[in-house]
Amino acid sequence: MNVPITEYLHQKLTEVGTAGFEQLALDTGVKVSFIRKFFYGGRPDPRVNTIQPLLDHFHARDMAQVAEVNGQQCSSQESAHG
């Protein structure tokens, strides 16, 4: 079952934590005031154009983590066979 976009985004913002909202705003170009409003429930149904940079940011971060894990698995397999 797929997670709704707004629920996914809220999960990712929870992982970042409120202390990271300023940096997230700088990284994505999304206003920190919007990020806070969304996080605290003030914007329950935001426009896709507003949240797309946040989704792109978190997707790229997720993909980098997957690539890192895959790279670590490959190197550990190579050392086991080498």
C-alpha atoms as a PDB file:
ATOM      1  CA  MET A   1       0.000   0.000   0.000  1.00  0.00           C
ATOM      2  CA  ASN A   2       1.334   3.432  -0.922  1.00  0.00           C
ATOM      3  CA  VAL A   3       1.721   6.130   1.693  1.00  0.00           C
ATOM      4  CA  PRO A   4      -0.096   9.412   0.869  1.00  0.00           C
ATOM      5  CA  ILE A   5       2.324  12.166  -0.170  1.00  0.00           C
ATOM      6  CA  THR A   6       1.440  14.411   2.753  1.00  0.00           C
ATOM      7  CA  GLU A   7       1.963  11.576   5.247  1.00  0.00           C
ATOM      8  CA  TYR A   8       5.336  10.714   3.655  1.00  0.00           C
ATOM      9  CA  LEU A   9       6.369  14.352   3.809  1.00  0.00           C
ATOM     10  CA  HIS A  10       5.326  14.655   7.435  1.00  0.00           C
ATOM     11  CA  GLN A  11       7.369  11.533   8.278  1.00  0.00           C
ATOM     12  CA  LYS A  12      10.431  13.004   6.565  1.00  0.00           C
ATOM     13  CA  LEU A  13      10.011  16.355   8.322  1.00  0.00           C
ATOM     14  CA  THR A  14       9.790  14.502  11.625  1.00  0.00           C
ATOM     15  CA  GLU A  15      13.107  12.805  10.806  1.00  0.00           C
ATOM     16  CA  VAL A  16      14.689  16.191  10.035  1.00  0.00           C
ATOM     17  CA  GLY A  17      13.315  17.709  13.223  1.00  0.00           C
ATOM     18  CA  THR A  18      12.268  21.294  13.737  1.00  0.00           C
ATOM     19  CA  ALA A  19      15.882  22.339  14.292  1.00  0.00           C
ATOM     20  CA  GLY A  20      16.626  21.341  10.699  1.00  0.00           C
ATOM     21  CA  PHE A  21      13.809  23.315   9.065  1.00  0.00           C
ATOM     22  CA  GLU A  22      15.963  26.402   8.385  1.00  0.00           C
ATOM     23  CA  GLN A  23      18.578  24.359   6.509  1.00  0.00           C
ATOM     24  CA  LEU A  24      15.872  22.427   4.672  1.00  0.00           C
ATOM     25  CA  ALA A  25      14.351  25.718   3.535  1.00  0.00           C
ATOM     26  CA  LEU A  26      17.749  26.864   2.252  1.00  0.00           C
ATOM     27  CA  ASP A  27      18.352  23.537   0.485  1.00  0.00           C
ATOM     28  CA  THR A  28      14.941  23.409  -1.212  1.00  0.00           C
ATOM     29  CA  GLY A  29      13.870  27.018  -1.692  1.00  0.00           C
ATOM     30  CA  VAL A  30      10.640  26.359   0.222  1.00  0.00           C
ATOM     31  CA  LYS A  31       9.882  29.015   2.817  1.00  0.00           C
ATOM     32  CA  VAL A  32      10.538  27.901   6.364  1.00  0.00           C
ATOM     33  CA  SER A  33       7.184  29.419   7.362  1.00  0.00           C
ATOM     34  CA  PHE A  34       5.410  27.008   5.001  1.00  0.00           C
ATOM     35  CA  ILE A  35       7.431  24.041   6.292  1.00  0.00           C
ATOM     36  CA  ARG A  36       6.442  24.897   9.871  1.00  0.00           C
ATOM     37  CA  LYS A  37       2.776  25.482   8.989  1.00  0.00           C
ATOM     38  CA  PHE A  38       2.593  22.180   7.149  1.00  0.00           C
ATOM     39  CA  PHE A  39       4.383  20.307   9.913  1.00  0.00           C
ATOM     40  CA  TYR A  40       2.081  21.639  12.620  1.00  0.00           C
ATOM     41  CA  GLY A  41      -1.096  20.988  10.599  1.00  0.00           C
ATOM     42  CA  GLY A  42      -1.843  24.492   9.378  1.00  0.00           C
ATOM     43  CA  ARG A  43      -1.655  23.444   5.713  1.00  0.00           C
ATOM     44  CA  PRO A  44      -3.336  20.020   5.513  1.00  0.00           C
ATOM     45  CA  ASP A  45      -3.796  20.069   1.718  1.00  0.00           C
ATOM     46  CA  PRO A  46      -0.882  21.980   0.131  1.00  0.00           C
ATOM     47  CA  ARG A  47      -0.432  22.496  -3.585  1.00  0.00           C
ATOM     48  CA  VAL A  48       1.822  20.034  -5.346  1.00  0.00           C
ATOM     49  CA  ASN A  49       3.973  22.863  -6.717  1.00  0.00           C
ATOM     50  CA  THR A  50       4.616  24.018  -3.163  1.00  0.00           C
ATOM     51  CA  ILE A  51       5.748  20.649  -1.801  1.00  0.00           C
ATOM     52  CA  GLN A  52       7.449  19.268  -4.921  1.00  0.00           C
ATOM     53  CA  PRO A  53      10.908  20.670  -3.984  1.00  0.00           C
ATOM     54  CA  LEU A  54      10.620  19.006  -0.571  1.00  0.00           C
ATOM     55  CA  LEU A  55       9.585  15.699  -2.128  1.00  0.00           C
ATOM     56  CA  ASP A  56      12.468  15.912  -4.609  1.00  0.00           C
ATOM     57  CA  HIS A  57      14.916  16.637  -1.780  1.00  0.00           C
ATOM     58  CA  PHE A  58      13.795  13.681   0.317  1.00  0.00           C
ATOM     59  CA  HIS A  59      13.648  11.352  -2.692  1.00  0.00           C
ATOM     60  CA  ALA A  60      17.231  12.253  -3.624  1.00  0.00           C
ATOM     61  CA  ARG A  61      18.317  11.713  -0.022  1.00  0.00           C
ATOM     62  CA  ASP A  62      16.580   8.322   0.077  1.00  0.00           C
ATOM     63  CA  MET A  63      18.234   7.280  -3.197  1.00  0.00           C
ATOM     64  CA  ALA A  64      21.665   8.335  -1.905  1.00  0.00           C
ATOM     65  CA  GLN A  65      21.148   6.245   1.221  1.00  0.00           C
ATOM     66  CA  VAL A  66      20.148   3.218  -0.875  1.00  0.00           C
ATOM     67  CA  ALA A  67      23.207   3.677  -3.097  1.00  0.00           C
ATOM     68  CA  GLU A  68      25.436   3.937  -0.024  1.00  0.00           C
ATOM     69  CA  VAL A  69      23.992   0.752   1.469  1.00  0.00           C
ATOM     70  CA  ASN A  70      24.360  -1.063  -1.852  1.00  0.00           C
ATOM     71  CA  GLY A  71      27.959   0.129  -2.156  1.00  0.00           C
ATOM     72  CA  GLN A  72      28.758  -1.108   1.331  1.00  0.00           C
ATOM     73  CA  GLN A  73      27.187  -4.475   0.571  1.00  0.00           C
ATOM     74  CA  CYS A  74      29.178  -4.796  -2.655  1.00  0.00           C
ATOM     75  CA  SER A  75      32.466  -3.931  -0.974  1.00  0.00           C
ATOM     76  CA  SER A  76      31.841  -6.364   1.866  1.00  0.00           C
ATOM     77  CA  GLN A  77      30.983  -9.102  -0.633  1.00  0.00           C
ATOM     78  CA  GLU A  78      34.127  -8.341  -2.648  1.00  0.00           C
ATOM     79  CA  SER A  79      36.321  -8.539   0.442  1.00  0.00           C
ATOM     80  CA  ALA A  80      34.705 -11.842   1.405  1.00  0.00           C
ATOM     81  CA  HIS A  81      35.468 -13.270  -2.027  1.00  0.00           C
ATOM     82  CA  GLY A  82      38.802 -11.539  -2.536  1.00  0.00           C
END
